């Protein structure tokens, strides 16, 4: 699970802790992830103020069958890179099936998707702190630059991809003060 809560400081931390606890409680008792997210959304909607919400991307990997089942609640879509080692041979696909953010509509229903993974696939899950990273000129790192950078490093190990993407965003931002947190998860299918 990768999630991002609106706001900063103690209130945001408490909200994230509540979502984490709700996710754990539901995942222990419910099999279908779309139902898990619906239940978490319903319970969180009752306790959140009108200016609060959470984005969340929840995925389960079946290593034996190379299957990914996921559901997104308004979160930045994960990116699946599939394809050859040469330039122009790889395809990039967004994984954004799900529904709206958590905490707004208690009756929101969510969808899930099952993706058959292949050897060499790269799964990139991130928070908006990556594309929203801003340099001194007020220019964002952006999704286009993020995708370009991902394509350059897709053949490296998962750890190297993560380190390189963090370096690319930090290099772009330079000495400008970071305004948002950054979370990155990389999975490389072997």
Protein backbone atom coordinates (compact mmCIF):
# COMPACT_ATOMS: atom_id res chain seq x y z
CA UNK A 1 0.00 0.00 0.00
CA UNK A 2 1.22 3.45 -0.91
CA UNK A 3 -0.86 6.35 0.35
CA UNK A 4 -0.70 10.13 0.61
CA UNK A 5 -2.74 12.28 2.96
CA UNK A 6 -3.63 15.91 2.31
CA UNK A 7 -1.91 18.27 4.71
CA UNK A 8 1.19 18.17 6.87
CA UNK A 9 2.21 17.76 10.47
CA UNK A 10 0.51 16.01 13.34
CA UNK A 11 -3.07 16.03 11.95
CA UNK A 12 -1.90 14.41 8.70
CA UNK A 13 0.19 11.87 10.62
CA UNK A 14 -2.77 10.87 12.78
CA UNK A 15 -4.97 10.53 9.70
CA UNK A 16 -2.40 8.29 8.00
CA UNK A 17 -2.08 6.15 11.12
CA UNK A 18 -5.87 5.72 11.15
CA UNK A 19 -5.91 4.65 7.49
CA UNK A 20 -3.07 2.22 8.09
CA UNK A 21 -4.92 0.66 11.02
CA UNK A 22 -8.17 0.47 9.03
CA UNK A 23 -6.39 -1.17 6.08
CA UNK A 24 -4.79 -3.78 8.34
CA UNK A 25 -8.07 -4.54 10.09
CA UNK A 26 -10.00 -4.96 6.83
CA UNK A 27 -7.28 -6.90 4.99
CA UNK A 28 -7.25 -9.48 7.78
CA UNK A 29 -10.98 -10.17 7.39
CA UNK A 30 -11.91 -9.49 3.76
CA UNK A 31 -10.53 -11.14 0.61
CA UNK A 32 -11.60 -8.76 -2.20
CA UNK A 33 -9.45 -5.65 -2.25
CA UNK A 34 -12.16 -3.49 -3.83
CA UNK A 35 -14.34 -4.34 -0.82
CA UNK A 36 -11.44 -3.61 1.55
CA UNK A 37 -10.99 -0.14 0.06
CA UNK A 38 -14.76 0.49 0.12
CA UNK A 39 -14.92 -0.39 3.81
CA UNK A 40 -11.89 1.72 4.67
CA UNK A 41 -13.37 4.63 2.73
CA UNK A 42 -16.72 4.29 4.49
CA UNK A 43 -15.20 4.24 7.98
CA UNK A 44 -12.72 7.06 7.24
CA UNK A 45 -15.42 9.24 5.64
CA UNK A 46 -17.30 9.29 8.93
CA UNK A 47 -14.31 10.70 10.83
CA UNK A 48 -12.77 13.11 8.32
CA UNK A 49 -13.41 16.82 7.90
CA UNK A 50 -14.52 18.22 4.55
CA UNK A 51 -11.00 19.44 3.67
CA UNK A 52 -9.34 16.09 4.39
CA UNK A 53 -8.80 13.15 2.06
CA UNK A 54 -6.33 10.39 1.30
CA UNK A 55 -5.11 8.90 -1.96
CA UNK A 56 -4.17 5.24 -1.80
CA UNK A 57 -2.83 2.56 -4.16
CA UNK A 58 -3.18 -1.00 -2.90
CA UNK A 59 -1.69 -3.98 -4.70
CA UNK A 60 -1.15 -7.65 -3.96
CA UNK A 61 1.52 -9.66 -5.78
CA UNK A 62 1.09 -13.38 -6.37
CA UNK A 63 4.72 -14.33 -6.95
CA UNK A 64 4.00 -17.91 -7.89
CA UNK A 65 1.63 -16.98 -10.75
CA UNK A 66 3.20 -13.58 -11.53
CA UNK A 67 -0.10 -11.79 -11.01
CA UNK A 68 -0.72 -8.34 -9.63
CA UNK A 69 -4.16 -7.42 -8.32
CA UNK A 70 -4.58 -3.74 -7.48
CA UNK A 71 -7.06 -1.00 -6.66
CA UNK A 72 -6.46 2.75 -6.66
CA UNK A 73 -8.34 5.29 -4.57
CA UNK A 74 -7.54 8.48 -6.47
CA UNK A 75 -3.79 7.89 -6.18
CA UNK A 76 -1.24 8.59 -8.89
CA UNK A 77 -1.50 5.58 -11.24
CA UNK A 78 1.31 3.08 -10.85
CA UNK A 79 3.30 2.54 -14.02
CA UNK A 80 4.01 -0.83 -15.61
CA UNK A 81 6.92 -0.93 -18.06
CA UNK A 82 7.04 -3.96 -20.31
CA UNK A 83 9.19 -4.76 -23.26
CA UNK A 84 12.56 -5.06 -24.89
CA UNK A 85 15.91 -3.63 -23.97
CA UNK A 86 16.21 -1.41 -27.04
CA UNK A 87 14.93 2.16 -27.33
CA UNK A 88 11.32 2.34 -28.43
CA UNK A 89 10.75 -1.36 -27.71
CA UNK A 90 9.25 -0.96 -24.25
CA UNK A 91 5.64 -0.06 -23.56
CA UNK A 92 4.47 1.96 -20.58
CA UNK A 93 1.01 1.49 -19.08
CA UNK A 94 -0.71 3.30 -16.21
CA UNK A 95 -2.42 1.18 -13.56
CA UNK A 96 -5.15 3.44 -12.20
CA UNK A 97 -8.31 1.32 -11.95
CA UNK A 98 -10.25 1.96 -8.75
CA UNK A 99 -12.27 4.97 -7.67
CA UNK A 100 -12.09 8.38 -6.03
CA UNK A 101 -10.01 9.46 -3.04
CA UNK A 102 -10.77 8.14 0.43
CA UNK A 103 -12.78 10.30 2.79
CA UNK A 104 -15.10 12.20 0.46
CA UNK A 105 -18.02 9.92 -0.43
CA UNK A 106 -18.81 7.09 2.01
CA UNK A 107 -20.85 5.30 -0.68
CA UNK A 108 -18.08 5.28 -3.30
CA UNK A 109 -17.56 1.87 -4.89
CA UNK A 110 -14.16 0.73 -6.15
CA UNK A 111 -12.99 -1.53 -8.96
CA UNK A 112 -9.91 -3.72 -9.10
CA UNK A 113 -7.79 -5.06 -11.94
CA UNK A 114 -5.71 -8.22 -12.28
CA UNK A 115 -2.55 -7.85 -14.37
CA UNK A 116 -0.53 -10.81 -15.62
CA UNK A 117 3.12 -9.88 -15.15
CA UNK A 118 6.01 -11.04 -17.32
CA UNK A 119 9.72 -11.49 -16.76
CA UNK A 120 11.45 -8.13 -17.11
CA UNK A 121 8.39 -6.06 -16.18
CA UNK A 122 9.02 -3.04 -13.98
CA UNK A 123 6.32 -1.77 -11.63
CA UNK A 124 6.75 1.83 -10.43
CA UNK A 125 4.52 3.04 -7.59
CA UNK A 126 5.01 6.60 -6.31
CA UNK A 127 3.47 9.60 -4.60
CA UNK A 128 2.90 12.98 -6.23
CA UNK A 129 6.06 14.29 -4.60
CA UNK A 130 7.96 12.91 -7.60
CA UNK A 131 6.20 14.68 -10.52
CA UNK A 132 5.42 17.73 -8.35
CA UNK A 133 9.06 18.27 -7.31
CA UNK A 134 9.87 21.86 -8.25
CA UNK A 135 13.09 23.64 -9.16
CA UNK A 136 14.08 27.27 -8.46
CA UNK A 137 12.32 28.43 -11.64
CA UNK A 138 8.95 27.09 -10.44
CA UNK A 139 9.05 24.30 -13.01
CA UNK A 140 7.78 20.86 -11.98
CA UNK A 141 9.71 17.66 -12.61
CA UNK A 142 6.48 16.49 -14.27
CA UNK A 143 5.15 13.18 -15.48
CA UNK A 144 6.79 13.42 -18.91
CA UNK A 145 10.26 13.87 -17.40
CA UNK A 146 9.50 11.13 -14.86
CA UNK A 147 8.52 8.69 -17.62
CA UNK A 148 11.56 9.63 -19.68
CA UNK A 149 13.83 8.97 -16.71
CA UNK A 150 12.12 5.64 -16.00
CA UNK A 151 12.67 4.47 -19.56
CA UNK A 152 16.38 5.25 -19.28
CA UNK A 153 16.82 3.10 -16.17
CA UNK A 154 14.25 0.31 -16.74
CA UNK A 155 16.92 -2.36 -17.37
CA UNK A 156 18.62 -1.83 -14.02
CA UNK A 157 17.79 -3.66 -10.78
CA UNK A 158 14.83 -2.47 -8.70
CA UNK A 159 17.16 -0.90 -6.14
CA UNK A 160 19.17 0.89 -8.84
CA UNK A 161 15.98 2.18 -10.50
CA UNK A 162 14.78 3.58 -7.19
CA UNK A 163 18.13 5.22 -6.41
CA UNK A 164 18.46 6.65 -9.92
CA UNK A 165 14.91 8.08 -9.91
CA UNK A 166 15.53 9.70 -6.53
CA UNK A 167 18.78 11.14 -7.89
CA UNK A 168 17.02 12.46 -11.02
CA UNK A 169 14.40 14.31 -8.97
CA UNK A 170 16.96 15.69 -6.52
CA UNK A 171 19.22 16.81 -9.36
CA UNK A 172 16.27 18.58 -11.02
CA UNK A 173 15.20 20.32 -7.80
CA UNK A 174 18.75 21.35 -6.93
CA UNK A 175 18.97 23.40 -3.75
CA UNK A 176 15.29 24.37 -3.87
CA UNK A 177 13.40 23.46 -0.72
CA UNK A 178 11.29 20.30 -1.01
CA UNK A 179 7.60 20.99 -0.47
CA UNK A 180 6.17 17.47 -0.54
CA UNK A 181 7.24 14.07 0.67
CA UNK A 182 8.37 11.48 -1.83
CA UNK A 183 7.65 7.76 -1.80
CA UNK A 184 8.86 5.32 -4.46
CA UNK A 185 8.38 1.57 -4.74
CA UNK A 186 9.97 -0.43 -7.56
CA UNK A 187 9.25 -4.07 -8.37
CA UNK A 188 11.24 -5.87 -11.05
CA UNK A 189 9.82 -9.21 -12.21
CA UNK A 190 12.42 -11.95 -12.64
